[in-house]
PDB file of N, CA and C in Angstrom:
ATOM      1  N   MET A   1     -10.118   6.730  23.191  1.00  0.00           N
ATOM      2  CA  MET A   1      -8.991   6.145  22.505  1.00  0.00           C
ATOM      3  C   MET A   1      -9.465   5.567  21.176  1.00  0.00           C
ATOM      4  N   ARG A   2      -8.722   5.874  20.105  1.00  0.00           N
ATOM      5  CA  ARG A   2      -9.060   5.377  18.781  1.00  0.00           C
ATOM      6  C   ARG A   2      -8.271   4.105  18.498  1.00  0.00           C
ATOM      7  N   ILE A   3      -8.939   3.087  18.019  1.00  0.00           N
ATOM      8  CA  ILE A   3      -8.275   1.853  17.625  1.00  0.00           C
ATOM      9  C   ILE A   3      -8.279   1.788  16.112  1.00  0.00           C
ATOM     10  N   ASP A   4      -7.097   1.696  15.516  1.00  0.00           N
ATOM     11  CA  ASP A   4      -6.990   1.630  14.066  1.00  0.00           C
ATOM     12  C   ASP A   4      -7.263   0.220  13.575  1.00  0.00           C
ATOM     13  N   SER A   5      -7.951   0.173  12.484  1.00  0.00           N
ATOM     14  CA  SER A   5      -8.168  -1.100  11.813  1.00  0.00           C
ATOM     15  C   SER A   5      -7.076  -1.243  10.764  1.00  0.00           C
ATOM     16  N   GLU A   6      -6.488  -2.415  10.673  1.00  0.00           N
ATOM     17  CA  GLU A   6      -5.401  -2.648   9.728  1.00  0.00           C
ATOM     18  C   GLU A   6      -5.670  -3.897   8.902  1.00  0.00           C
ATOM     19  N   THR A   7      -5.441  -3.772   7.615  1.00  0.00           N
ATOM     20  CA  THR A   7      -5.552  -4.896   6.698  1.00  0.00           C
ATOM     21  C   THR A   7      -4.220  -5.038   5.995  1.00  0.00           C
ATOM     22  N   LYS A   8      -3.817  -6.256   5.692  1.00  0.00           N
ATOM     23  CA  LYS A   8      -2.550  -6.486   5.001  1.00  0.00           C
ATOM     24  C   LYS A   8      -2.802  -7.201   3.683  1.00  0.00           C
ATOM     25  N   ILE A   9      -2.067  -6.762   2.643  1.00  0.00           N
ATOM     26  CA  ILE A   9      -2.095  -7.484   1.374  1.00  0.00           C
ATOM     27  C   ILE A   9      -0.668  -7.600   0.852  1.00  0.00           C
ATOM     28  N   ASP A  10      -0.443  -8.640   0.087  1.00  0.00           N
ATOM     29  CA  ASP A  10       0.863  -8.905  -0.503  1.00  0.00           C
ATOM     30  C   ASP A  10       0.698  -8.859  -2.023  1.00  0.00           C
ATOM     31  N   ILE A  11       1.362  -7.894  -2.665  1.00  0.00           N
ATOM     32  CA  ILE A  11       1.256  -7.767  -4.121  1.00  0.00           C
ATOM     33  C   ILE A  11       2.598  -8.072  -4.793  1.00  0.00           C
ATOM     34  N   THR A  12       3.454  -8.821  -4.098  1.00  0.00           N
ATOM     35  CA  THR A  12       4.773  -9.116  -4.652  1.00  0.00           C
ATOM     36  C   THR A  12       4.712 -10.034  -5.864  1.00  0.00           C
ATOM     37  N   SER A  13       3.617 -10.758  -6.048  1.00  0.00           N
ATOM     38  CA  SER A  13       3.514 -11.639  -7.219  1.00  0.00           C
ATOM     39  C   SER A  13       2.774 -10.973  -8.376  1.00  0.00           C
ATOM     40  N   ASP A  14       2.311  -9.737  -8.182  1.00  0.00           N
ATOM     41  CA  ASP A  14       1.580  -9.010  -9.222  1.00  0.00           C
ATOM     42  C   ASP A  14       2.502  -8.071  -9.994  1.00  0.00           C
ATOM     43  N   VAL A  15       2.079  -7.716 -11.205  1.00  0.00           N
ATOM     44  CA  VAL A  15       2.821  -6.752 -12.022  1.00  0.00           C
ATOM     45  C   VAL A  15       1.926  -5.550 -12.299  1.00  0.00           C
ATOM     46  N   CYS A  16       2.557  -4.423 -12.562  1.00  0.00           N
ATOM     47  CA  CYS A  16       1.819  -3.203 -12.884  1.00  0.00           C
ATOM     48  C   CYS A  16       1.061  -3.406 -14.190  1.00  0.00           C
ATOM     49  N   PRO A  17      -0.140  -2.907 -14.332  1.00  0.00           N
ATOM     50  CA  PRO A  17      -0.873  -2.016 -13.435  1.00  0.00           C
ATOM     51  C   PRO A  17      -1.724  -2.743 -12.389  1.00  0.00           C
ATOM     52  N   MET A  18      -1.686  -4.064 -12.347  1.00  0.00           N
ATOM     53  CA  MET A  18      -2.514  -4.800 -11.392  1.00  0.00           C
ATOM     54  C   MET A  18      -2.120  -4.533  -9.945  1.00  0.00           C
ATOM     55  N   THR A  19      -0.898  -4.091  -9.714  1.00  0.00           N
ATOM     56  CA  THR A  19      -0.476  -3.814  -8.347  1.00  0.00           C
ATOM     57  C   THR A  19      -1.377  -2.756  -7.718  1.00  0.00           C
ATOM     58  N   PHE A  20      -1.565  -1.637  -8.394  1.00  0.00           N
ATOM     59  CA  PHE A  20      -2.407  -0.587  -7.818  1.00  0.00           C
ATOM     60  C   PHE A  20      -3.883  -0.954  -7.876  1.00  0.00           C
ATOM     61  N   VAL A  21      -4.295  -1.697  -8.858  1.00  0.00           N
ATOM     62  CA  VAL A  21      -5.695  -2.125  -8.937  1.00  0.00           C
ATOM     63  C   VAL A  21      -6.057  -2.911  -7.682  1.00  0.00           C
ATOM     64  N   ARG A  22      -5.219  -3.855  -7.283  1.00  0.00           N
ATOM     65  CA  ARG A  22      -5.488  -4.639  -6.070  1.00  0.00           C
ATOM     66  C   ARG A  22      -5.498  -3.763  -4.824  1.00  0.00           C
ATOM     67  N   VAL A  23      -4.557  -2.802  -4.760  1.00  0.00           N
ATOM     68  CA  VAL A  23      -4.492  -1.887  -3.616  1.00  0.00           C
ATOM     69  C   VAL A  23      -5.752  -1.033  -3.553  1.00  0.00           C
ATOM     70  N   LYS A  24      -6.151  -0.479  -4.679  1.00  0.00           N
ATOM     71  CA  LYS A  24      -7.326   0.397  -4.706  1.00  0.00           C
ATOM     72  C   LYS A  24      -8.595  -0.366  -4.327  1.00  0.00           C
ATOM     73  N   LEU A  25      -8.759  -1.582  -4.836  1.00  0.00           N
ATOM     74  CA  LEU A  25      -9.925  -2.383  -4.473  1.00  0.00           C
ATOM     75  C   LEU A  25      -9.965  -2.651  -2.972  1.00  0.00           C
ATOM     76  N   ALA A  26      -8.828  -2.937  -2.385  1.00  0.00           N
ATOM     77  CA  ALA A  26      -8.773  -3.167  -0.933  1.00  0.00           C
ATOM     78  C   ALA A  26      -9.128  -1.891  -0.175  1.00  0.00           C
ATOM     79  N   LEU A  27      -8.581  -0.765  -0.606  1.00  0.00           N
ATOM     80  CA  LEU A  27      -8.861   0.502   0.072  1.00  0.00           C
ATOM     81  C   LEU A  27     -10.330   0.893  -0.018  1.00  0.00           C
ATOM     82  N   GLU A  28     -10.945   0.627  -1.149  1.00  0.00           N
ATOM     83  CA  GLU A  28     -12.355   0.991  -1.321  1.00  0.00           C
ATOM     84  C   GLU A  28     -13.274   0.204  -0.403  1.00  0.00           C
ATOM     85  N   ARG A  29     -12.850  -0.974   0.034  1.00  0.00           N
ATOM     86  CA  ARG A  29     -13.662  -1.803   0.932  1.00  0.00           C
ATOM     87  C   ARG A  29     -13.445  -1.460   2.400  1.00  0.00           C
ATOM     88  N   MET A  30     -12.507  -0.583   2.673  1.00  0.00           N
ATOM     89  CA  MET A  30     -12.147  -0.277   4.053  1.00  0.00           C
ATOM     90  C   MET A  30     -12.906   0.935   4.583  1.00  0.00           C
ATOM     91  N   ALA A  31     -13.022   1.000   5.892  1.00  0.00           N
ATOM     92  CA  ALA A  31     -13.651   2.141   6.548  1.00  0.00           C
ATOM     93  C   ALA A  31     -12.695   3.332   6.536  1.00  0.00           C
ATOM     94  N   PRO A  32     -13.236   4.541   6.636  1.00  0.00           N
ATOM     95  CA  PRO A  32     -12.367   5.721   6.741  1.00  0.00           C
ATOM     96  C   PRO A  32     -11.409   5.590   7.927  1.00  0.00           C
ATOM     97  N   ASP A  33     -10.211   6.072   7.744  1.00  0.00           N
ATOM     98  CA  ASP A  33      -9.137   6.045   8.733  1.00  0.00           C
ATOM     99  C   ASP A  33      -8.557   4.655   8.970  1.00  0.00           C
ATOM    100  N   ALA A  34      -9.006   3.666   8.234  1.00  0.00           N
ATOM    101  CA  ALA A  34      -8.415   2.332   8.335  1.00  0.00           C
ATOM    102  C   ALA A  34      -7.110   2.323   7.543  1.00  0.00           C
ATOM    103  N   ALA A  35      -6.180   1.484   7.979  1.00  0.00           N
ATOM    104  CA  ALA A  35      -4.872   1.419   7.341  1.00  0.00           C
ATOM    105  C   ALA A  35      -4.722   0.128   6.543  1.00  0.00           C
ATOM    106  N   LEU A  36      -4.059   0.258   5.422  1.00  0.00           N
ATOM    107  CA  LEU A  36      -3.742  -0.887   4.586  1.00  0.00           C
ATOM    108  C   LEU A  36      -2.229  -1.019   4.539  1.00  0.00           C
ATOM    109  N   ILE A  37      -1.720  -2.182   4.938  1.00  0.00           N
ATOM    110  CA  ILE A  37      -0.294  -2.463   4.869  1.00  0.00           C
ATOM    111  C   ILE A  37      -0.064  -3.287   3.604  1.00  0.00           C
ATOM    112  N   VAL A  38       0.748  -2.752   2.718  1.00  0.00           N
ATOM    113  CA  VAL A  38       0.992  -3.393   1.426  1.00  0.00           C
ATOM    114  C   VAL A  38       2.431  -3.890   1.383  1.00  0.00           C
ATOM    115  N   ARG A  39       2.592  -5.132   0.999  1.00  0.00           N
ATOM    116  CA  ARG A  39       3.930  -5.709   0.786  1.00  0.00           C
ATOM    117  C   ARG A  39       4.155  -5.692  -0.716  1.00  0.00           C
ATOM    118  N   LEU A  40       5.210  -4.998  -1.174  1.00  0.00           N
ATOM    119  CA  LEU A  40       5.435  -4.827  -2.601  1.00  0.00           C
ATOM    120  C   LEU A  40       6.907  -4.906  -2.959  1.00  0.00           C
ATOM    121  N   ASN A  41       7.165  -5.192  -4.226  1.00  0.00           N
ATOM    122  CA  ASN A  41       8.533  -5.308  -4.713  1.00  0.00           C
ATOM    123  C   ASN A  41       9.143  -3.958  -5.029  1.00  0.00           C
ATOM    124  N   ASP A  42      10.456  -3.954  -5.072  1.00  0.00           N
ATOM    125  CA  ASP A  42      11.237  -2.806  -5.514  1.00  0.00           C
ATOM    126  C   ASP A  42      10.939  -2.562  -6.996  1.00  0.00           C
ATOM    127  N   GLY A  43      11.332  -1.419  -7.513  1.00  0.00           N
ATOM    128  CA  GLY A  43      11.171  -1.134  -8.936  1.00  0.00           C
ATOM    129  C   GLY A  43       9.857  -0.438  -9.240  1.00  0.00           C
ATOM    130  N   GLU A  44       9.216  -0.878 -10.306  1.00  0.00           N
ATOM    131  CA  GLU A  44       8.002  -0.227 -10.786  1.00  0.00           C
ATOM    132  C   GLU A  44       6.878  -0.169  -9.743  1.00  0.00           C
ATOM    133  N   PRO A  45       6.567  -1.256  -9.028  1.00  0.00           N
ATOM    134  CA  PRO A  45       5.518  -1.156  -7.998  1.00  0.00           C
ATOM    135  C   PRO A  45       5.872  -0.144  -6.907  1.00  0.00           C
ATOM    136  N   LEU A  46       7.111  -0.104  -6.510  1.00  0.00           N
ATOM    137  CA  LEU A  46       7.536   0.820  -5.459  1.00  0.00           C
ATOM    138  C   LEU A  46       7.416   2.275  -5.912  1.00  0.00           C
ATOM    139  N   ARG A  47       7.654   2.516  -7.192  1.00  0.00           N
ATOM    140  CA  ARG A  47       7.490   3.876  -7.729  1.00  0.00           C
ATOM    141  C   ARG A  47       6.028   4.237  -7.947  1.00  0.00           C
ATOM    142  N   ASN A  48       5.260   3.307  -8.507  1.00  0.00           N
ATOM    143  CA  ASN A  48       3.906   3.629  -8.954  1.00  0.00           C
ATOM    144  C   ASN A  48       2.817   3.554  -7.897  1.00  0.00           C
ATOM    145  N   VAL A  49       2.859   2.577  -7.014  1.00  0.00           N
ATOM    146  CA  VAL A  49       1.765   2.405  -6.055  1.00  0.00           C
ATOM    147  C   VAL A  49       1.648   3.598  -5.102  1.00  0.00           C
ATOM    148  N   PRO A  50       2.726   4.062  -4.465  1.00  0.00           N
ATOM    149  CA  PRO A  50       2.568   5.237  -3.590  1.00  0.00           C
ATOM    150  C   PRO A  50       2.107   6.486  -4.353  1.00  0.00           C
ATOM    151  N   ARG A  51       2.651   6.687  -5.539  1.00  0.00           N
ATOM    152  CA  ARG A  51       2.276   7.860  -6.341  1.00  0.00           C
ATOM    153  C   ARG A  51       0.797   7.798  -6.734  1.00  0.00           C
ATOM    154  N   SER A  52       0.338   6.636  -7.168  1.00  0.00           N
ATOM    155  CA  SER A  52      -1.064   6.480  -7.557  1.00  0.00           C
ATOM    156  C   SER A  52      -1.995   6.627  -6.365  1.00  0.00           C
ATOM    157  N   ALA A  53      -1.592   6.107  -5.219  1.00  0.00           N
ATOM    158  CA  ALA A  53      -2.417   6.237  -4.015  1.00  0.00           C
ATOM    159  C   ALA A  53      -2.576   7.706  -3.629  1.00  0.00           C
ATOM    160  N   ARG A  54      -1.497   8.455  -3.664  1.00  0.00           N
ATOM    161  CA  ARG A  54      -1.580   9.902  -3.360  1.00  0.00           C
ATOM    162  C   ARG A  54      -2.479  10.615  -4.362  1.00  0.00           C
ATOM    163  N   ALA A  55      -2.341  10.277  -5.631  1.00  0.00           N
ATOM    164  CA  ALA A  55      -3.140  10.915  -6.678  1.00  0.00           C
ATOM    165  C   ALA A  55      -4.635  10.640  -6.497  1.00  0.00           C
ATOM    166  N   GLU A  56      -4.973   9.500  -5.901  1.00  0.00           N
ATOM    167  CA  GLU A  56      -6.376   9.141  -5.648  1.00  0.00           C
ATOM    168  C   GLU A  56      -6.888   9.722  -4.323  1.00  0.00           C
ATOM    169  N   GLY A  57      -6.028  10.417  -3.592  1.00  0.00           N
ATOM    170  CA  GLY A  57      -6.448  11.064  -2.359  1.00  0.00           C
ATOM    171  C   GLY A  57      -6.201  10.266  -1.088  1.00  0.00           C
ATOM    172  N   TYR A  58      -5.506   9.140  -1.185  1.00  0.00           N
ATOM    173  CA  TYR A  58      -5.177   8.355  -0.004  1.00  0.00           C
ATOM    174  C   TYR A  58      -3.911   8.899   0.649  1.00  0.00           C
ATOM    175  N   ARG A  59      -3.745   8.638   1.937  1.00  0.00           N
ATOM    176  CA  ARG A  59      -2.569   9.109   2.668  1.00  0.00           C
ATOM    177  C   ARG A  59      -1.521   8.000   2.735  1.00  0.00           C
ATOM    178  N   VAL A  60      -0.362   8.274   2.172  1.00  0.00           N
ATOM    179  CA  VAL A  60       0.767   7.346   2.273  1.00  0.00           C
ATOM    180  C   VAL A  60       1.522   7.748   3.523  1.00  0.00           C
ATOM    181  N   GLU A  61       1.499   6.879   4.540  1.00  0.00           N
ATOM    182  CA  GLU A  61       2.054   7.240   5.839  1.00  0.00           C
ATOM    183  C   GLU A  61       3.414   6.634   6.122  1.00  0.00           C
ATOM    184  N   GLU A  62       3.699   5.487   5.595  1.00  0.00           N
ATOM    185  CA  GLU A  62       4.998   4.849   5.821  1.00  0.00           C
ATOM    186  C   GLU A  62       5.414   4.122   4.563  1.00  0.00           C
ATOM    187  N   LEU A  63       6.690   4.120   4.322  1.00  0.00           N
ATOM    188  CA  LEU A  63       7.251   3.382   3.202  1.00  0.00           C
ATOM    189  C   LEU A  63       8.666   3.013   3.591  1.00  0.00           C
ATOM    190  N   GLY A  64       8.989   1.742   3.495  1.00  0.00           N
ATOM    191  CA  GLY A  64      10.337   1.338   3.860  1.00  0.00           C
ATOM    192  C   GLY A  64      10.640  -0.080   3.464  1.00  0.00           C
ATOM    193  N   PRO A  65      11.923  -0.431   3.473  1.00  0.00           N
ATOM    194  CA  PRO A  65      12.301  -1.806   3.139  1.00  0.00           C
ATOM    195  C   PRO A  65      11.840  -2.770   4.229  1.00  0.00           C
ATOM    196  N   GLU A  66      11.431  -3.938   3.810  1.00  0.00           N
ATOM    197  CA  GLU A  66      10.986  -4.952   4.762  1.00  0.00           C
ATOM    198  C   GLU A  66      12.172  -5.528   5.534  1.00  0.00           C
ATOM    199  N   SER A  67      13.309  -5.622   4.855  1.00  0.00           N
ATOM    200  CA  SER A  67      14.523  -6.139   5.490  1.00  0.00           C
ATOM    201  C   SER A  67      15.725  -5.403   4.925  1.00  0.00           C
ATOM    202  N   SER A  68      16.895  -5.752   5.384  1.00  0.00           N
ATOM    203  CA  SER A  68      18.103  -5.064   4.944  1.00  0.00           C
ATOM    204  C   SER A  68      18.437  -5.326   3.477  1.00  0.00           C
ATOM    205  N   GLY A  69      17.851  -6.377   2.877  1.00  0.00           N
ATOM    206  CA  GLY A  69      18.088  -6.686   1.469  1.00  0.00           C
ATOM    207  C   GLY A  69      17.501  -5.652   0.527  1.00  0.00           C
ATOM    208  N   GLY A  70      16.401  -5.026   0.935  1.00  0.00           N
ATOM    209  CA  GLY A  70      15.817  -3.934   0.182  1.00  0.00           C
ATOM    210  C   GLY A  70      15.019  -4.306  -1.052  1.00  0.00           C
ATOM    211  N   ARG A  71      14.812  -5.568  -1.356  1.00  0.00           N
ATOM    212  CA  ARG A  71      14.071  -5.951  -2.557  1.00  0.00           C
ATOM    213  C   ARG A  71      12.557  -5.894  -2.332  1.00  0.00           C
ATOM    214  N   VAL A  72      12.114  -6.220  -1.136  1.00  0.00           N
ATOM    215  CA  VAL A  72      10.696  -6.168  -0.788  1.00  0.00           C
ATOM    216  C   VAL A  72      10.492  -5.045   0.218  1.00  0.00           C
ATOM    217  N   HIS A  73       9.438  -4.274   0.014  1.00  0.00           N
ATOM    218  CA  HIS A  73       9.143  -3.116   0.856  1.00  0.00           C
ATOM    219  C   HIS A  73       7.748  -3.241   1.447  1.00  0.00           C
ATOM    220  N   PHE A  74       7.475  -2.401   2.440  1.00  0.00           N
ATOM    221  CA  PHE A  74       6.132  -2.300   2.970  1.00  0.00           C
ATOM    222  C   PHE A  74       5.681  -0.862   2.817  1.00  0.00           C
ATOM    223  N   LEU A  75       4.394  -0.699   2.675  1.00  0.00           N
ATOM    224  CA  LEU A  75       3.791   0.608   2.480  1.00  0.00           C
ATOM    225  C   LEU A  75       2.535   0.654   3.335  1.00  0.00           C
ATOM    226  N   ARG A  76       2.353   1.729   4.068  1.00  0.00           N
ATOM    227  CA  ARG A  76       1.141   1.898   4.888  1.00  0.00           C
ATOM    228  C   ARG A  76       0.336   3.039   4.271  1.00  0.00           C
ATOM    229  N   ILE A  77      -0.892   2.730   3.879  1.00  0.00           N
ATOM    230  CA  ILE A  77      -1.786   3.702   3.258  1.00  0.00           C
ATOM    231  C   ILE A  77      -3.039   3.788   4.111  1.00  0.00           C
ATOM    232  N   THR A  78      -3.508   5.005   4.333  1.00  0.00           N
ATOM    233  CA  THR A  78      -4.726   5.205   5.111  1.00  0.00           C
ATOM    234  C   THR A  78      -5.795   5.841   4.231  1.00  0.00           C
ATOM    235  N   ARG A  79      -6.995   5.337   4.384  1.00  0.00           N
ATOM    236  CA  ARG A  79      -8.129   5.899   3.652  1.00  0.00           C
ATOM    237  C   ARG A  79      -8.619   7.119   4.415  1.00  0.00           C
ATOM    238  N   PRO A  80      -8.750   8.268   3.739  1.00  0.00           N
ATOM    239  CA  PRO A  80      -9.220   9.483   4.434  1.00  0.00           C
ATOM    240  C   PRO A  80     -10.702   9.398   4.812  1.00  0.00           C
TER     241      PRO A  80
END
């Protein structure tokens, strides 16, 4: 049985391009197949962080609103 390692970060107080910089730094410190749960705002971070993560070769596995309000979202990224 495989146990996934999960780390959480909140980038809702950051602005682009620092949003992805913080995500990438966290991912680089993680073991392969570990998951990073990112809490991020709607708008530019929601558009750019998943796209940048895919472009860097990371797997974007989940993306969705944190609540019914839709302003804050969560993103699950796995390091290959």
